[in-house]
């Protein structure tokens, strides 16, 4: 009975640790949220427990645990999106990978280690996020090329970028082969505003405007 209680406690705590991380990811509206982290952590713990306690105690317990690392790679890869030359979702994938490790630690009975791992993961997501944003106030220059219907629309896009706190450094326009206007902009922005994903989202909301490159 005591053995079963210990096993159940490991599994429940792993699920709880995963839920803590998942709540933070859900709050940030990330691709993998509460349910995903809950299941990854609980599943990793369950696999680890089965590898240690199952199969009549025969075989190498590390073989099953090693497959968790491989399996979580496939799940993490599903959260990574490449938009042209820019990759989005690496932090979410790394969070899932770490959550699996926390589940494995809990499954092994290393509950203190799993708890500390959870705290460090949350600190990495939240505390380091604020630090990186402060560092990000250093301005970075970005070159954008987009196509729109006419010069009026092109100027409207430039003005909207200014309203979003982007500093305009240069503006050059030319007529494309299909008669539309191709615009090459050089803008300057703090690091926290220069995320390519933010700019892709910005241009995605604009009608009759096609983003070509961000450099």
N, C-alpha and C. Protein backbone atom coordinates (compact mmCIF):
# COMPACT_ATOMS: atom_id res chain seq x y z
N UNK A 1 0.83 -1.22 0.00
CA UNK A 1 0.00 0.00 0.00
C UNK A 1 0.86 1.27 0.00
N UNK A 2 1.92 1.23 0.84
CA UNK A 2 2.80 2.39 0.90
C UNK A 2 3.49 2.61 -0.45
N UNK A 3 3.85 1.47 -1.10
CA UNK A 3 4.50 1.57 -2.41
C UNK A 3 3.56 2.20 -3.43
N UNK A 4 2.30 1.77 -3.43
CA UNK A 4 1.32 2.32 -4.38
C UNK A 4 1.08 3.81 -4.13
N UNK A 5 1.03 4.19 -2.86
CA UNK A 5 0.83 5.61 -2.53
C UNK A 5 2.00 6.44 -3.05
N UNK A 6 3.21 5.93 -2.93
CA UNK A 6 4.40 6.65 -3.42
C UNK A 6 4.32 6.83 -4.93
N UNK A 7 3.91 5.78 -5.63
CA UNK A 7 3.82 5.85 -7.09
C UNK A 7 2.76 6.88 -7.52
N UNK A 8 1.60 6.83 -6.85
CA UNK A 8 0.51 7.75 -7.17
C UNK A 8 0.93 9.19 -6.87
N UNK A 9 1.65 9.40 -5.76
CA UNK A 9 2.11 10.74 -5.39
C UNK A 9 3.06 11.29 -6.46
N UNK A 10 3.94 10.44 -6.97
CA UNK A 10 4.86 10.88 -8.02
C UNK A 10 4.08 11.33 -9.26
N UNK A 11 3.10 10.53 -9.65
CA UNK A 11 2.32 10.83 -10.85
C UNK A 11 1.51 12.12 -10.69
N UNK A 12 0.88 12.27 -9.51
CA UNK A 12 0.07 13.47 -9.27
C UNK A 12 0.92 14.73 -9.22
N UNK A 13 2.08 14.63 -8.58
CA UNK A 13 2.95 15.80 -8.51
C UNK A 13 3.50 16.17 -9.88
N UNK A 14 3.81 15.17 -10.68
CA UNK A 14 4.28 15.45 -12.04
C UNK A 14 3.20 16.19 -12.83
N UNK A 15 1.95 15.73 -12.72
CA UNK A 15 0.85 16.40 -13.41
C UNK A 15 0.68 17.82 -12.90
N UNK A 16 0.86 18.01 -11.59
CA UNK A 16 0.73 19.35 -11.00
C UNK A 16 1.83 20.28 -11.49
N UNK A 17 3.07 19.78 -11.53
CA UNK A 17 4.18 20.60 -12.03
C UNK A 17 3.94 20.99 -13.49
N UNK A 18 3.48 20.03 -14.29
CA UNK A 18 3.18 20.34 -15.68
C UNK A 18 2.08 21.37 -15.83
N UNK A 19 1.08 21.29 -14.94
CA UNK A 19 -0.03 22.24 -14.98
C UNK A 19 0.45 23.64 -14.63
N UNK A 20 1.37 23.76 -13.67
CA UNK A 20 1.92 25.07 -13.32
C UNK A 20 2.56 25.74 -14.54
N UNK A 21 3.37 24.97 -15.24
CA UNK A 21 4.03 25.51 -16.44
C UNK A 21 3.00 25.81 -17.52
N UNK A 22 2.03 24.91 -17.67
CA UNK A 22 0.99 25.08 -18.69
C UNK A 22 0.14 26.32 -18.47
N UNK A 23 -0.13 26.67 -17.21
CA UNK A 23 -0.92 27.87 -16.92
C UNK A 23 -0.19 29.11 -17.44
N UNK A 24 1.12 29.16 -17.22
CA UNK A 24 1.89 30.31 -17.71
C UNK A 24 1.86 30.38 -19.24
N UNK A 25 2.01 29.23 -19.89
CA UNK A 25 1.98 29.20 -21.35
C UNK A 25 0.58 29.55 -21.89
N UNK A 26 -0.44 29.10 -21.18
CA UNK A 26 -1.82 29.41 -21.59
C UNK A 26 -2.07 30.90 -21.46
N UNK A 27 -1.56 31.50 -20.39
CA UNK A 27 -1.72 32.93 -20.16
C UNK A 27 -1.06 33.74 -21.27
N UNK A 28 0.06 33.22 -21.78
CA UNK A 28 0.78 33.90 -22.86
C UNK A 28 0.24 33.53 -24.24
N UNK A 29 -0.84 32.74 -24.26
CA UNK A 29 -1.50 32.34 -25.51
C UNK A 29 -0.54 31.65 -26.47
N UNK A 30 0.26 30.72 -25.93
CA UNK A 30 1.20 29.99 -26.75
C UNK A 30 0.54 28.75 -27.36
N UNK A 31 1.23 28.17 -28.36
CA UNK A 31 0.66 27.05 -29.09
C UNK A 31 0.39 25.86 -28.16
N UNK A 32 1.32 25.58 -27.26
CA UNK A 32 1.16 24.50 -26.29
C UNK A 32 0.80 25.13 -24.95
N UNK A 33 -0.38 24.80 -24.43
CA UNK A 33 -0.85 25.45 -23.20
C UNK A 33 -0.99 24.49 -22.04
N UNK A 34 -2.04 24.69 -21.26
CA UNK A 34 -2.24 23.95 -20.01
C UNK A 34 -2.35 22.44 -20.25
N UNK A 35 -3.24 22.04 -21.13
CA UNK A 35 -3.47 20.60 -21.34
C UNK A 35 -2.23 19.90 -21.88
N UNK A 36 -1.55 20.56 -22.82
CA UNK A 36 -0.36 19.93 -23.42
C UNK A 36 0.73 19.71 -22.39
N UNK A 37 1.05 20.71 -21.59
CA UNK A 37 2.10 20.57 -20.59
C UNK A 37 1.68 19.59 -19.48
N UNK A 38 0.41 19.63 -19.11
CA UNK A 38 -0.11 18.68 -18.12
C UNK A 38 0.12 17.25 -18.60
N UNK A 39 -0.26 16.97 -19.84
CA UNK A 39 -0.16 15.61 -20.38
C UNK A 39 1.29 15.20 -20.62
N UNK A 40 2.12 16.13 -21.08
CA UNK A 40 3.52 15.80 -21.33
C UNK A 40 4.22 15.43 -20.03
N UNK A 41 4.00 16.21 -18.99
CA UNK A 41 4.66 15.95 -17.71
C UNK A 41 4.13 14.67 -17.06
N UNK A 42 2.81 14.50 -17.05
CA UNK A 42 2.22 13.29 -16.47
C UNK A 42 2.61 12.06 -17.29
N UNK A 43 2.59 12.18 -18.62
CA UNK A 43 2.95 11.05 -19.47
C UNK A 43 4.40 10.64 -19.30
N UNK A 44 5.29 11.63 -19.20
CA UNK A 44 6.70 11.33 -18.99
C UNK A 44 6.92 10.61 -17.66
N UNK A 45 6.23 11.07 -16.63
CA UNK A 45 6.34 10.43 -15.32
C UNK A 45 5.81 9.00 -15.37
N UNK A 46 4.70 8.81 -16.06
CA UNK A 46 4.10 7.47 -16.14
C UNK A 46 5.01 6.51 -16.89
N UNK A 47 5.56 6.95 -18.01
CA UNK A 47 6.51 6.10 -18.73
C UNK A 47 7.71 5.74 -17.86
N UNK A 48 8.20 6.71 -17.11
CA UNK A 48 9.36 6.47 -16.25
C UNK A 48 9.03 5.47 -15.15
N UNK A 49 7.86 5.64 -14.55
CA UNK A 49 7.42 4.72 -13.48
C UNK A 49 7.28 3.30 -14.04
N UNK A 50 6.67 3.18 -15.20
CA UNK A 50 6.49 1.85 -15.80
C UNK A 50 7.84 1.23 -16.14
N UNK A 51 8.79 2.06 -16.63
CA UNK A 51 10.10 1.51 -16.98
C UNK A 51 10.87 1.03 -15.77
N UNK A 52 10.62 1.65 -14.60
CA UNK A 52 11.32 1.26 -13.37
C UNK A 52 10.63 0.09 -12.67
N UNK A 53 9.30 0.19 -12.56
CA UNK A 53 8.55 -0.76 -11.73
C UNK A 53 7.88 -1.88 -12.54
N UNK A 54 7.70 -1.66 -13.84
CA UNK A 54 7.03 -2.66 -14.65
C UNK A 54 7.97 -3.73 -15.16
N UNK A 55 7.43 -4.66 -15.93
CA UNK A 55 8.21 -5.72 -16.59
C UNK A 55 8.92 -6.63 -15.60
N UNK A 56 8.39 -6.71 -14.39
CA UNK A 56 8.96 -7.64 -13.42
C UNK A 56 10.35 -7.28 -12.96
N UNK A 57 10.72 -6.01 -13.15
CA UNK A 57 12.05 -5.59 -12.69
C UNK A 57 13.17 -6.05 -13.59
N UNK A 58 12.86 -6.61 -14.77
CA UNK A 58 13.89 -7.09 -15.68
C UNK A 58 14.17 -6.03 -16.75
N UNK A 59 15.33 -6.10 -17.36
CA UNK A 59 15.69 -5.17 -18.43
C UNK A 59 16.27 -3.88 -17.89
N UNK A 60 16.59 -3.02 -18.82
CA UNK A 60 17.22 -1.73 -18.49
C UNK A 60 16.15 -0.65 -18.44
N UNK A 61 15.87 -0.08 -17.25
CA UNK A 61 14.84 0.96 -17.14
C UNK A 61 15.13 2.19 -18.01
N UNK A 62 16.40 2.44 -18.27
CA UNK A 62 16.76 3.64 -19.03
C UNK A 62 16.31 3.55 -20.49
N UNK A 63 16.04 2.34 -21.00
CA UNK A 63 15.66 2.22 -22.40
C UNK A 63 14.31 2.90 -22.68
N UNK A 64 13.34 2.68 -21.79
CA UNK A 64 12.03 3.32 -21.97
C UNK A 64 12.15 4.83 -21.77
N UNK A 65 12.89 5.23 -20.73
CA UNK A 65 13.06 6.65 -20.44
C UNK A 65 13.74 7.37 -21.61
N UNK A 66 14.68 6.69 -22.27
CA UNK A 66 15.39 7.31 -23.38
C UNK A 66 14.44 7.61 -24.54
N UNK A 67 13.41 6.78 -24.70
CA UNK A 67 12.47 7.00 -25.80
C UNK A 67 11.58 8.22 -25.55
N UNK A 68 11.46 8.62 -24.28
CA UNK A 68 10.69 9.84 -23.96
C UNK A 68 11.36 11.04 -24.62
N UNK A 69 12.68 11.09 -24.53
CA UNK A 69 13.43 12.21 -25.12
C UNK A 69 13.20 12.27 -26.62
N UNK A 70 13.21 11.09 -27.25
CA UNK A 70 12.96 11.05 -28.70
C UNK A 70 11.53 11.45 -29.03
N UNK A 71 10.58 10.91 -28.27
CA UNK A 71 9.17 11.20 -28.53
C UNK A 71 8.81 12.66 -28.35
N UNK A 72 9.38 13.28 -27.32
CA UNK A 72 9.04 14.68 -27.06
C UNK A 72 9.59 15.57 -28.16
N UNK A 73 10.63 15.08 -28.86
CA UNK A 73 11.17 15.85 -29.98
C UNK A 73 10.14 16.02 -31.09
N UNK A 74 9.33 15.00 -31.33
CA UNK A 74 8.30 15.10 -32.36
C UNK A 74 7.21 16.09 -31.95
N UNK A 75 6.83 16.06 -30.68
CA UNK A 75 5.81 17.00 -30.20
C UNK A 75 6.35 18.43 -30.28
N UNK A 76 7.59 18.62 -29.82
CA UNK A 76 8.19 19.95 -29.85
C UNK A 76 8.32 20.49 -31.26
N UNK A 77 8.64 19.59 -32.21
CA UNK A 77 8.79 20.02 -33.60
C UNK A 77 7.48 20.56 -34.15
N UNK A 78 6.36 20.06 -33.64
CA UNK A 78 5.06 20.52 -34.11
C UNK A 78 4.73 21.94 -33.69
N UNK A 79 5.45 22.46 -32.71
CA UNK A 79 5.19 23.83 -32.25
C UNK A 79 6.09 24.85 -32.95
N UNK A 80 7.07 24.36 -33.72
CA UNK A 80 8.01 25.26 -34.39
C UNK A 80 7.50 25.57 -35.79
N UNK A 81 7.38 26.84 -36.10
CA UNK A 81 6.88 27.29 -37.39
C UNK A 81 7.95 28.14 -38.05
N UNK A 82 8.20 27.89 -39.32
CA UNK A 82 9.15 28.71 -40.07
C UNK A 82 8.40 29.60 -41.05
N UNK A 83 8.56 30.89 -40.89
CA UNK A 83 7.97 31.86 -41.82
C UNK A 83 9.10 32.50 -42.60
N UNK A 84 9.23 32.05 -43.85
CA UNK A 84 10.36 32.46 -44.70
C UNK A 84 11.66 32.10 -43.97
N UNK A 85 12.47 33.08 -43.62
CA UNK A 85 13.76 32.75 -43.01
C UNK A 85 13.72 32.82 -41.48
N UNK A 86 12.57 33.01 -40.89
CA UNK A 86 12.47 33.21 -39.46
C UNK A 86 11.75 32.04 -38.80
N UNK A 87 12.25 31.64 -37.65
CA UNK A 87 11.70 30.49 -36.94
C UNK A 87 10.99 30.97 -35.69
N UNK A 88 9.77 30.49 -35.50
CA UNK A 88 8.93 30.88 -34.37
C UNK A 88 8.54 29.62 -33.59
N UNK A 89 8.55 29.71 -32.28
CA UNK A 89 8.08 28.59 -31.45
C UNK A 89 9.19 27.80 -30.78
N UNK A 90 10.44 28.26 -30.89
CA UNK A 90 11.55 27.52 -30.29
C UNK A 90 11.44 27.49 -28.76
N UNK A 91 11.04 28.62 -28.17
CA UNK A 91 10.91 28.67 -26.71
C UNK A 91 9.82 27.72 -26.22
N UNK A 92 8.72 27.66 -26.94
CA UNK A 92 7.64 26.74 -26.58
C UNK A 92 8.13 25.29 -26.67
N UNK A 93 8.86 24.97 -27.74
CA UNK A 93 9.39 23.61 -27.90
C UNK A 93 10.37 23.27 -26.78
N UNK A 94 11.23 24.24 -26.43
CA UNK A 94 12.19 24.02 -25.34
C UNK A 94 11.45 23.82 -24.01
N UNK A 95 10.34 24.55 -23.84
CA UNK A 95 9.54 24.39 -22.62
C UNK A 95 8.94 23.00 -22.51
N UNK A 96 8.46 22.46 -23.63
CA UNK A 96 7.92 21.09 -23.63
C UNK A 96 9.01 20.08 -23.32
N UNK A 97 10.17 20.29 -23.88
CA UNK A 97 11.31 19.40 -23.64
C UNK A 97 11.68 19.40 -22.15
N UNK A 98 11.73 20.59 -21.55
CA UNK A 98 12.05 20.71 -20.12
C UNK A 98 10.93 20.11 -19.26
N UNK A 99 9.68 20.31 -19.67
CA UNK A 99 8.55 19.75 -18.93
C UNK A 99 8.62 18.22 -18.90
N UNK A 100 9.02 17.62 -20.02
CA UNK A 100 9.19 16.16 -20.05
C UNK A 100 10.28 15.73 -19.08
N UNK A 101 11.36 16.50 -19.00
CA UNK A 101 12.44 16.17 -18.06
C UNK A 101 11.95 16.27 -16.62
N UNK A 102 11.11 17.25 -16.33
CA UNK A 102 10.54 17.40 -14.98
C UNK A 102 9.67 16.18 -14.66
N UNK A 103 8.87 15.75 -15.64
CA UNK A 103 8.04 14.56 -15.43
C UNK A 103 8.88 13.32 -15.17
N UNK A 104 9.99 13.18 -15.88
CA UNK A 104 10.87 12.04 -15.67
C UNK A 104 11.49 12.07 -14.27
N UNK A 105 11.89 13.27 -13.83
CA UNK A 105 12.47 13.40 -12.48
C UNK A 105 11.44 13.02 -11.42
N UNK A 106 10.20 13.48 -11.61
CA UNK A 106 9.15 13.13 -10.65
C UNK A 106 8.87 11.63 -10.68
N UNK A 107 8.86 11.04 -11.86
CA UNK A 107 8.63 9.61 -11.99
C UNK A 107 9.70 8.78 -11.32
N UNK A 108 10.93 9.29 -11.28
CA UNK A 108 12.03 8.59 -10.61
C UNK A 108 11.99 8.76 -9.09
N UNK A 109 11.11 9.63 -8.62
CA UNK A 109 11.04 9.90 -7.18
C UNK A 109 11.87 11.08 -6.76
N UNK A 110 12.48 11.79 -7.71
CA UNK A 110 13.30 12.97 -7.41
C UNK A 110 12.39 14.20 -7.38
N UNK A 111 11.51 14.24 -6.37
CA UNK A 111 10.45 15.25 -6.34
C UNK A 111 11.00 16.65 -6.09
N UNK A 112 12.02 16.75 -5.26
CA UNK A 112 12.62 18.07 -4.99
C UNK A 112 13.27 18.60 -6.27
N UNK A 113 13.97 17.73 -6.97
CA UNK A 113 14.60 18.14 -8.23
C UNK A 113 13.54 18.58 -9.24
N UNK A 114 12.44 17.82 -9.32
CA UNK A 114 11.35 18.18 -10.23
C UNK A 114 10.73 19.52 -9.85
N UNK A 115 10.57 19.77 -8.54
CA UNK A 115 10.01 21.03 -8.08
C UNK A 115 10.92 22.21 -8.41
N UNK A 116 12.22 22.02 -8.17
CA UNK A 116 13.18 23.09 -8.49
C UNK A 116 13.21 23.32 -10.00
N UNK A 117 13.12 22.24 -10.76
CA UNK A 117 13.08 22.37 -12.22
C UNK A 117 11.88 23.17 -12.69
N UNK A 118 10.75 22.97 -12.04
CA UNK A 118 9.54 23.72 -12.38
C UNK A 118 9.72 25.20 -12.09
N UNK A 119 10.28 25.51 -10.93
CA UNK A 119 10.52 26.91 -10.56
C UNK A 119 11.48 27.57 -11.55
N UNK A 120 12.54 26.85 -11.91
CA UNK A 120 13.51 27.41 -12.86
C UNK A 120 12.88 27.62 -14.24
N UNK A 121 12.03 26.70 -14.64
CA UNK A 121 11.36 26.84 -15.94
C UNK A 121 10.45 28.06 -15.96
N UNK A 122 9.66 28.24 -14.90
CA UNK A 122 8.79 29.40 -14.81
C UNK A 122 9.59 30.69 -14.76
N UNK A 123 10.73 30.64 -14.05
CA UNK A 123 11.60 31.82 -13.99
C UNK A 123 12.16 32.13 -15.38
N UNK A 124 12.50 31.07 -16.12
CA UNK A 124 13.00 31.27 -17.47
C UNK A 124 11.97 31.91 -18.38
N UNK A 125 10.71 31.50 -18.22
CA UNK A 125 9.66 32.06 -19.05
C UNK A 125 9.32 33.50 -18.67
N UNK A 126 9.20 33.77 -17.38
CA UNK A 126 8.71 35.07 -16.93
C UNK A 126 9.83 36.06 -16.58
N UNK A 127 10.72 35.66 -15.68
CA UNK A 127 11.77 36.59 -15.23
C UNK A 127 12.70 36.95 -16.37
N UNK A 128 13.16 35.94 -17.10
CA UNK A 128 14.07 36.22 -18.21
C UNK A 128 13.38 36.96 -19.33
N UNK A 129 12.06 36.80 -19.42
CA UNK A 129 11.30 37.54 -20.44
C UNK A 129 11.40 39.04 -20.17
N UNK A 130 11.26 39.44 -18.91
CA UNK A 130 11.35 40.86 -18.56
C UNK A 130 12.78 41.38 -18.78
N UNK A 131 13.76 40.55 -18.43
CA UNK A 131 15.15 40.96 -18.62
C UNK A 131 15.45 41.14 -20.10
N UNK A 132 14.99 40.20 -20.92
CA UNK A 132 15.25 40.30 -22.36
C UNK A 132 14.56 41.51 -22.97
N UNK A 133 13.38 41.87 -22.42
CA UNK A 133 12.68 43.05 -22.93
C UNK A 133 13.44 44.32 -22.58
N UNK A 134 14.06 44.35 -21.39
CA UNK A 134 14.84 45.52 -21.02
C UNK A 134 16.08 45.63 -21.89
N UNK A 135 16.71 44.48 -22.13
CA UNK A 135 17.86 44.47 -23.03
C UNK A 135 17.43 44.91 -24.42
N UNK A 136 16.19 44.54 -24.78
CA UNK A 136 15.68 44.80 -26.11
C UNK A 136 15.41 46.26 -26.42
N UNK A 137 15.58 47.15 -25.47
CA UNK A 137 15.37 48.57 -25.77
C UNK A 137 16.48 49.14 -26.66
N UNK A 138 17.56 48.37 -26.83
CA UNK A 138 18.58 48.76 -27.81
C UNK A 138 17.97 48.66 -29.19
N UNK A 139 18.09 49.69 -29.99
CA UNK A 139 17.39 49.73 -31.28
C UNK A 139 18.11 48.92 -32.35
N UNK A 140 17.30 48.36 -33.22
CA UNK A 140 17.81 47.52 -34.32
C UNK A 140 17.21 48.01 -35.63
N UNK A 141 18.01 48.01 -36.68
CA UNK A 141 17.52 48.45 -37.99
C UNK A 141 17.02 47.24 -38.79
N UNK A 142 15.88 47.41 -39.42
CA UNK A 142 15.25 46.35 -40.20
C UNK A 142 14.89 46.90 -41.57
N UNK A 143 15.08 46.08 -42.59
CA UNK A 143 14.68 46.46 -43.93
C UNK A 143 13.50 45.59 -44.36
N UNK A 144 12.44 46.24 -44.83
CA UNK A 144 11.21 45.55 -45.21
C UNK A 144 10.90 45.87 -46.67
N UNK A 145 10.51 44.86 -47.41
CA UNK A 145 10.05 45.05 -48.78
C UNK A 145 8.63 44.49 -48.87
N UNK A 146 7.69 45.33 -49.32
CA UNK A 146 6.32 44.88 -49.48
C UNK A 146 5.72 45.46 -50.76
N UNK A 147 4.64 44.85 -51.23
CA UNK A 147 3.93 45.30 -52.43
C UNK A 147 2.50 45.65 -52.05
N UNK A 148 2.01 46.76 -52.57
CA UNK A 148 0.63 47.16 -52.33
C UNK A 148 0.04 47.74 -53.61
N UNK A 149 -1.23 48.10 -53.54
CA UNK A 149 -1.95 48.45 -54.77
C UNK A 149 -1.53 49.77 -55.38
N UNK A 150 -1.33 50.80 -54.57
CA UNK A 150 -0.98 52.12 -55.10
C UNK A 150 -0.16 52.89 -54.09
N UNK A 151 0.30 54.07 -54.49
CA UNK A 151 1.18 54.87 -53.64
C UNK A 151 0.48 55.37 -52.39
N UNK A 152 -0.83 55.60 -52.49
CA UNK A 152 -1.58 56.06 -51.31
C UNK A 152 -1.57 54.97 -50.24
N UNK A 153 -1.83 53.72 -50.65
CA UNK A 153 -1.80 52.60 -49.71
C UNK A 153 -0.41 52.41 -49.12
N UNK A 154 0.61 52.61 -49.97
CA UNK A 154 1.98 52.46 -49.49
C UNK A 154 2.30 53.48 -48.40
N UNK A 155 1.89 54.71 -48.62
CA UNK A 155 2.12 55.75 -47.61
C UNK A 155 1.32 55.47 -46.34
N UNK A 156 0.14 54.91 -46.51
CA UNK A 156 -0.69 54.58 -45.35
C UNK A 156 -0.01 53.50 -44.49
N UNK A 157 0.63 52.53 -45.15
CA UNK A 157 1.36 51.49 -44.40
C UNK A 157 2.51 52.12 -43.63
N UNK A 158 3.24 53.02 -44.28
CA UNK A 158 4.37 53.69 -43.62
C UNK A 158 3.91 54.49 -42.41
N UNK A 159 2.80 55.19 -42.54
CA UNK A 159 2.27 55.98 -41.43
C UNK A 159 1.81 55.09 -40.28
N UNK A 160 1.25 53.95 -40.65
CA UNK A 160 0.78 53.03 -39.60
C UNK A 160 1.97 52.44 -38.84
N UNK A 161 3.06 52.17 -39.56
CA UNK A 161 4.27 51.69 -38.88
C UNK A 161 4.79 52.74 -37.90
N UNK A 162 4.73 54.01 -38.30
CA UNK A 162 5.16 55.09 -37.40
C UNK A 162 4.30 55.11 -36.14
N UNK A 163 3.00 54.91 -36.33
CA UNK A 163 2.09 54.92 -35.18
C UNK A 163 2.34 53.75 -34.23
N UNK A 164 2.98 52.69 -34.75
CA UNK A 164 3.31 51.52 -33.93
C UNK A 164 4.69 51.64 -33.28
N UNK A 165 5.24 52.86 -33.29
CA UNK A 165 6.52 53.18 -32.64
C UNK A 165 7.75 52.71 -33.42
N UNK A 166 7.59 52.48 -34.73
CA UNK A 166 8.75 52.19 -35.57
C UNK A 166 9.26 53.51 -36.17
N UNK A 167 10.57 53.73 -36.10
CA UNK A 167 11.17 54.94 -36.65
C UNK A 167 11.55 54.71 -38.12
N UNK A 168 11.08 55.58 -38.99
CA UNK A 168 11.35 55.46 -40.42
C UNK A 168 12.71 56.07 -40.74
N UNK A 169 13.59 55.29 -41.39
CA UNK A 169 14.92 55.76 -41.79
C UNK A 169 15.01 56.03 -43.28
N UNK A 170 14.35 55.24 -44.09
CA UNK A 170 14.34 55.50 -45.53
C UNK A 170 13.09 54.89 -46.14
N UNK A 171 12.69 55.47 -47.28
CA UNK A 171 11.48 55.03 -47.98
C UNK A 171 11.74 55.13 -49.47
N UNK A 172 11.69 54.00 -50.16
CA UNK A 172 11.89 53.98 -51.61
C UNK A 172 10.79 53.13 -52.24
N UNK A 173 10.20 53.66 -53.30
CA UNK A 173 9.13 52.93 -53.97
C UNK A 173 9.40 52.85 -55.46
N UNK A 174 8.90 51.78 -56.06
CA UNK A 174 9.01 51.60 -57.52
C UNK A 174 7.80 50.81 -57.98
N UNK A 175 7.56 50.84 -59.29
CA UNK A 175 6.40 50.13 -59.81
C UNK A 175 6.80 48.72 -60.23
N UNK A 176 6.05 47.74 -59.73
CA UNK A 176 6.31 46.34 -60.08
C UNK A 176 5.80 46.04 -61.48
N UNK A 177 6.14 44.85 -61.99
CA UNK A 177 5.74 44.48 -63.35
C UNK A 177 4.24 44.40 -63.52
N UNK A 178 3.53 44.06 -62.43
CA UNK A 178 2.06 43.95 -62.52
C UNK A 178 1.35 45.27 -62.27
N UNK A 179 2.11 46.37 -62.15
CA UNK A 179 1.50 47.68 -61.97
C UNK A 179 1.34 48.11 -60.54
N UNK A 180 1.56 47.20 -59.61
CA UNK A 180 1.45 47.58 -58.20
C UNK A 180 2.72 48.30 -57.74
N UNK A 181 2.69 48.77 -56.51
CA UNK A 181 3.81 49.55 -55.96
C UNK A 181 4.64 48.65 -55.03
N UNK A 182 5.94 48.58 -55.33
CA UNK A 182 6.86 47.86 -54.44
C UNK A 182 7.59 48.90 -53.59
N UNK A 183 7.57 48.70 -52.27
CA UNK A 183 8.17 49.66 -51.34
C UNK A 183 9.28 48.98 -50.55
N UNK A 184 10.40 49.66 -50.44
CA UNK A 184 11.51 49.20 -49.61
C UNK A 184 11.69 50.20 -48.46
N UNK A 185 11.46 49.74 -47.25
CA UNK A 185 11.54 50.59 -46.07
C UNK A 185 12.72 50.17 -45.19
N UNK A 186 13.40 51.15 -44.64
CA UNK A 186 14.38 50.90 -43.58
C UNK A 186 13.80 51.52 -42.31
N UNK A 187 13.53 50.68 -41.32
CA UNK A 187 12.96 51.18 -40.07
C UNK A 187 13.88 50.81 -38.92
N UNK A 188 13.71 51.52 -37.83
CA UNK A 188 14.50 51.27 -36.62
C UNK A 188 13.53 51.03 -35.48
N UNK A 189 13.80 49.98 -34.69
CA UNK A 189 12.87 49.64 -33.61
C UNK A 189 13.63 48.99 -32.47
N UNK A 190 13.12 49.12 -31.23
CA UNK A 190 13.70 48.38 -30.12
C UNK A 190 13.61 46.88 -30.40
N UNK A 191 14.49 46.12 -29.78
CA UNK A 191 14.54 44.68 -30.02
C UNK A 191 13.20 44.00 -29.74
N UNK A 192 12.48 44.50 -28.72
CA UNK A 192 11.21 43.87 -28.37
C UNK A 192 10.11 44.15 -29.40
N UNK A 193 10.35 45.11 -30.33
CA UNK A 193 9.38 45.37 -31.40
C UNK A 193 9.85 44.83 -32.74
N UNK A 194 11.06 44.29 -32.78
CA UNK A 194 11.63 43.87 -34.06
C UNK A 194 11.48 42.38 -34.32
N UNK A 195 10.68 41.72 -33.51
CA UNK A 195 10.43 40.29 -33.73
C UNK A 195 9.76 40.10 -35.09
N UNK A 196 10.32 39.27 -35.97
CA UNK A 196 9.71 39.05 -37.29
C UNK A 196 8.25 38.60 -37.21
N UNK A 197 7.93 37.80 -36.19
CA UNK A 197 6.55 37.33 -36.05
C UNK A 197 5.59 38.49 -35.87
N UNK A 198 6.02 39.50 -35.13
CA UNK A 198 5.18 40.69 -34.90
C UNK A 198 4.95 41.44 -36.22
N UNK A 199 6.01 41.53 -37.03
CA UNK A 199 5.88 42.24 -38.30
C UNK A 199 5.05 41.44 -39.31
N UNK A 200 5.20 40.13 -39.31
CA UNK A 200 4.36 39.30 -40.18
C UNK A 200 2.88 39.46 -39.80
N UNK A 201 2.63 39.49 -38.50
CA UNK A 201 1.26 39.67 -38.03
C UNK A 201 0.73 41.05 -38.43
N UNK A 202 1.59 42.05 -38.32
CA UNK A 202 1.21 43.43 -38.69
C UNK A 202 0.79 43.48 -40.15
N UNK A 203 1.61 42.95 -41.04
CA UNK A 203 1.30 43.01 -42.47
C UNK A 203 0.15 42.07 -42.84
N UNK A 204 -0.02 41.01 -42.07
CA UNK A 204 -1.13 40.09 -42.33
C UNK A 204 -2.49 40.72 -42.13
N UNK A 205 -2.53 41.77 -41.31
CA UNK A 205 -3.80 42.46 -41.03
C UNK A 205 -4.12 43.54 -42.07
N UNK A 206 -3.17 43.83 -42.95
CA UNK A 206 -3.37 44.90 -43.93
C UNK A 206 -3.98 44.36 -45.22
N UNK A 207 -5.06 44.97 -45.68
CA UNK A 207 -5.67 44.51 -46.95
C UNK A 207 -4.83 44.93 -48.15
N UNK A 208 -4.82 44.09 -49.17
CA UNK A 208 -4.16 44.41 -50.46
C UNK A 208 -2.67 44.73 -50.28
N UNK A 209 -2.03 44.13 -49.27
CA UNK A 209 -0.62 44.36 -49.04
C UNK A 209 0.07 43.02 -48.87
N UNK A 210 1.16 42.83 -49.60
CA UNK A 210 1.89 41.55 -49.59
C UNK A 210 3.32 41.80 -49.13
N UNK A 211 3.69 41.16 -48.04
CA UNK A 211 5.04 41.30 -47.51
C UNK A 211 5.98 40.36 -48.28
N UNK A 212 7.08 40.90 -48.78
CA UNK A 212 8.04 40.09 -49.53
C UNK A 212 9.21 39.62 -48.68
N UNK A 213 9.91 40.54 -48.04
CA UNK A 213 11.08 40.15 -47.23
C UNK A 213 11.19 41.03 -45.99
N UNK A 214 11.83 40.45 -44.97
CA UNK A 214 12.26 41.20 -43.78
C UNK A 214 13.73 40.86 -43.56
N UNK A 215 14.55 41.87 -43.49
CA UNK A 215 16.00 41.63 -43.29
C UNK A 215 16.53 42.48 -42.15
